[in-house]
C-alpha atoms as a PDB file:
ATOM      1  CA  MET A   1     119.432  81.108 110.433  1.00  0.00           C
ATOM      2  CA  ARG A   2     117.282  80.797 107.018  1.00  0.00           C
ATOM      3  CA  PHE A   3     116.846  83.490 104.999  1.00  0.00           C
ATOM      4  CA  GLN A   4     113.372  83.160 105.508  1.00  0.00           C
ATOM      5  CA  GLU A   5     113.368  82.725 109.287  1.00  0.00           C
ATOM      6  CA  VAL A   6     115.564  85.943 109.405  1.00  0.00           C
ATOM      7  CA  VAL A   7     112.359  88.128 107.527  1.00  0.00           C
ATOM      8  CA  LEU A   8     109.136  88.398 109.065  1.00  0.00           C
ATOM      9  CA  ARG A   9     107.499  90.767 107.733  1.00  0.00           C
ATOM     10  CA  PRO A  10     106.978  93.853 105.827  1.00  0.00           C
ATOM     11  CA  VAL A  11     106.152  97.051 108.458  1.00  0.00           C
ATOM     12  CA  VAL A  12     103.386  99.291 106.762  1.00  0.00           C
ATOM     13  CA  THR A  13     103.536 102.195 108.620  1.00  0.00           C
ATOM     14  CA  GLU A  14     102.356 106.210 107.746  1.00  0.00           C
ATOM     15  CA  LYS A  15     105.916 106.610 108.732  1.00  0.00           C
ATOM     16  CA  SER A  16     107.607 103.856 107.105  1.00  0.00           C
ATOM     17  CA  THR A  17     105.641 104.450 103.284  1.00  0.00           C
ATOM     18  CA  ILE A  18     106.997 108.767 103.634  1.00  0.00           C
ATOM     19  CA  ALA A  19     110.936 106.378 103.767  1.00  0.00           C
ATOM     20  CA  ARG A  20     110.266 104.745 101.100  1.00  0.00           C
ATOM     21  CA  GLU A  21     109.556 107.519  98.818  1.00  0.00           C
ATOM     22  CA  LEU A  22     111.645 109.863  99.819  1.00  0.00           C
ATOM     23  CA  ALA A  23     114.830 107.668 100.699  1.00  0.00           C
ATOM     24  CA  ASN A  24     114.006 104.032  99.623  1.00  0.00           C
ATOM     25  CA  VAL A  25     114.119 102.507 103.047  1.00  0.00           C
ATOM     26  CA  VAL A  26     112.323  99.812 103.335  1.00  0.00           C
ATOM     27  CA  THR A  27     110.992  99.005 107.202  1.00  0.00           C
ATOM     28  CA  LEU A  28     110.775  95.347 108.260  1.00  0.00           C
ATOM     29  CA  ALA A  29     110.624  92.964 111.194  1.00  0.00           C
ATOM     30  CA  VAL A  30     112.855  90.348 111.421  1.00  0.00           C
ATOM     31  CA  ASN A  31     113.999  88.120 114.189  1.00  0.00           C
ATOM     32  CA  PRO A  32     114.732  89.713 117.407  1.00  0.00           C
ATOM     33  CA  ASN A  33     118.735  86.782 117.156  1.00  0.00           C
ATOM     34  CA  ALA A  34     119.065  88.541 113.104  1.00  0.00           C
ATOM     35  CA  ASN A  35     122.029  90.908 112.958  1.00  0.00           C
ATOM     36  CA  LYS A  36     122.789  93.415 110.169  1.00  0.00           C
ATOM     37  CA  ALA A  37     124.956  91.555 108.512  1.00  0.00           C
ATOM     38  CA  GLN A  38     121.929  88.743 108.429  1.00  0.00           C
ATOM     39  CA  ILE A  39     119.121  90.420 107.761  1.00  0.00           C
ATOM     40  CA  LYS A  40     121.940  92.467 104.394  1.00  0.00           C
ATOM     41  CA  GLU A  41     122.251  88.757 103.368  1.00  0.00           C
ATOM     42  CA  ALA A  42     118.892  87.390 103.670  1.00  0.00           C
ATOM     43  CA  VAL A  43     117.066  90.685 101.977  1.00  0.00           C
ATOM     44  CA  GLU A  44     119.769  90.478  98.867  1.00  0.00           C
ATOM     45  CA  SER A  45     118.896  86.659  98.043  1.00  0.00           C
ATOM     46  CA  ILE A  46     115.742  86.845  98.619  1.00  0.00           C
ATOM     47  CA  TRP A  47     114.809  89.798  96.289  1.00  0.00           C
ATOM     48  CA  GLN A  48     117.843  90.793  94.417  1.00  0.00           C
ATOM     49  CA  VAL A  49     118.127  93.668  95.446  1.00  0.00           C
ATOM     50  CA  ASP A  50     121.278  95.929  96.900  1.00  0.00           C
ATOM     51  CA  VAL A  51     120.814  96.974 100.275  1.00  0.00           C
ATOM     52  CA  LEU A  52     123.062  99.507 101.213  1.00  0.00           C
ATOM     53  CA  GLU A  53     122.836  99.840 105.022  1.00  0.00           C
ATOM     54  CA  VAL A  54     121.096  98.512 107.581  1.00  0.00           C
ATOM     55  CA  ARG A  55     119.770 100.284 111.081  1.00  0.00           C
ATOM     56  CA  THR A  56     117.501  98.064 113.492  1.00  0.00           C
ATOM     57  CA  SER A  57     116.175  99.068 116.617  1.00  0.00           C
ATOM     58  CA  ARG A  58     113.813  96.623 119.265  1.00  0.00           C
ATOM     59  CA  MET A  59     111.103  97.929 119.723  1.00  0.00           C
ATOM     60  CA  PRO A  60     108.885  97.776 123.470  1.00  0.00           C
ATOM     61  CA  ARG A  61     106.878  95.120 124.948  1.00  0.00           C
ATOM     62  CA  LYS A  62     103.203  96.884 125.625  1.00  0.00           C
ATOM     63  CA  THR A  63     100.688  96.820 128.170  1.00  0.00           C
ATOM     64  CA  ARG A  64      97.052  95.926 125.945  1.00  0.00           C
ATOM     65  CA  ARG A  65      93.942  95.665 127.851  1.00  0.00           C
ATOM     66  CA  VAL A  66      90.735  93.574 127.352  1.00  0.00           C
ATOM     67  CA  GLY A  67      88.151  93.906 129.325  1.00  0.00           C
ATOM     68  CA  LYS A  68      90.141  93.572 132.798  1.00  0.00           C
ATOM     69  CA  PHE A  69      92.213  91.241 131.432  1.00  0.00           C
ATOM     70  CA  LYS A  70      95.629  92.404 131.087  1.00  0.00           C
ATOM     71  CA  GLY A  71      98.402  90.733 128.645  1.00  0.00           C
ATOM     72  CA  ARG A  72     101.675  91.993 127.222  1.00  0.00           C
ATOM     73  CA  LYS A  73     102.600  92.556 123.708  1.00  0.00           C
ATOM     74  CA  SER A  74     106.098  90.474 123.413  1.00  0.00           C
ATOM     75  CA  GLU A  75     109.605  92.754 122.042  1.00  0.00           C
ATOM     76  CA  TRP A  76     110.469  92.532 118.420  1.00  0.00           C
ATOM     77  CA  LYS A  77     112.620  93.769 116.167  1.00  0.00           C
ATOM     78  CA  LYS A  78     112.549  96.071 113.370  1.00  0.00           C
ATOM     79  CA  ALA A  79     114.702  96.924 110.141  1.00  0.00           C
ATOM     80  CA  MET A  80     115.169  99.912 108.589  1.00  0.00           C
ATOM     81  CA  VAL A  81     116.598  98.863 104.655  1.00  0.00           C
ATOM     82  CA  THR A  82     118.279 101.885 102.667  1.00  0.00           C
ATOM     83  CA  LEU A  83     118.777 100.371  98.788  1.00  0.00           C
ATOM     84  CA  ALA A  84     120.666 100.972  95.828  1.00  0.00           C
ATOM     85  CA  GLU A  85     119.185 104.081  93.895  1.00  0.00           C
ATOM     86  CA  GLY A  86     116.278 102.637  91.636  1.00  0.00           C
ATOM     87  CA  GLN A  87     115.389  99.550  92.768  1.00  0.00           C
ATOM     88  CA  SER A  88     112.433  98.515  94.978  1.00  0.00           C
ATOM     89  CA  ILE A  89     111.009  95.555  96.768  1.00  0.00           C
ATOM     90  CA  GLU A  90     107.633  94.203  94.849  1.00  0.00           C
ATOM     91  CA  PHE A  91     105.024  93.800  97.777  1.00  0.00           C
ATOM     92  CA  TYR A  92     105.191  97.482  98.257  1.00  0.00           C
ATOM     93  CA  GLU A  93     104.189  99.030  94.481  1.00  0.00           C
ATOM     94  CA  GLY A  94     100.173  99.975  94.945  1.00  0.00           C
ATOM     95  CA  VAL A  95     100.680 100.070  98.833  1.00  0.00           C
END
């Protein structure tokens, strides 16, 4: 799996912003088939940072309604990546 296929997008929420500021933890949406070693290798190679720890969790499907139509959002995987002290990822600056 290529590195660009592992990391899908950043997750910017109030909780992830607080974790980034207090503990230098970056939250990313990743490929559901990627494991922790692949996530660590992808983050280190894409942004040239040192990763100390990777925690993952699977986010469940959610039911959504628009009028009388009912649908489901797909399941996705979230990774909380702890970076070494003094390092950061540029796309989060100014968010």
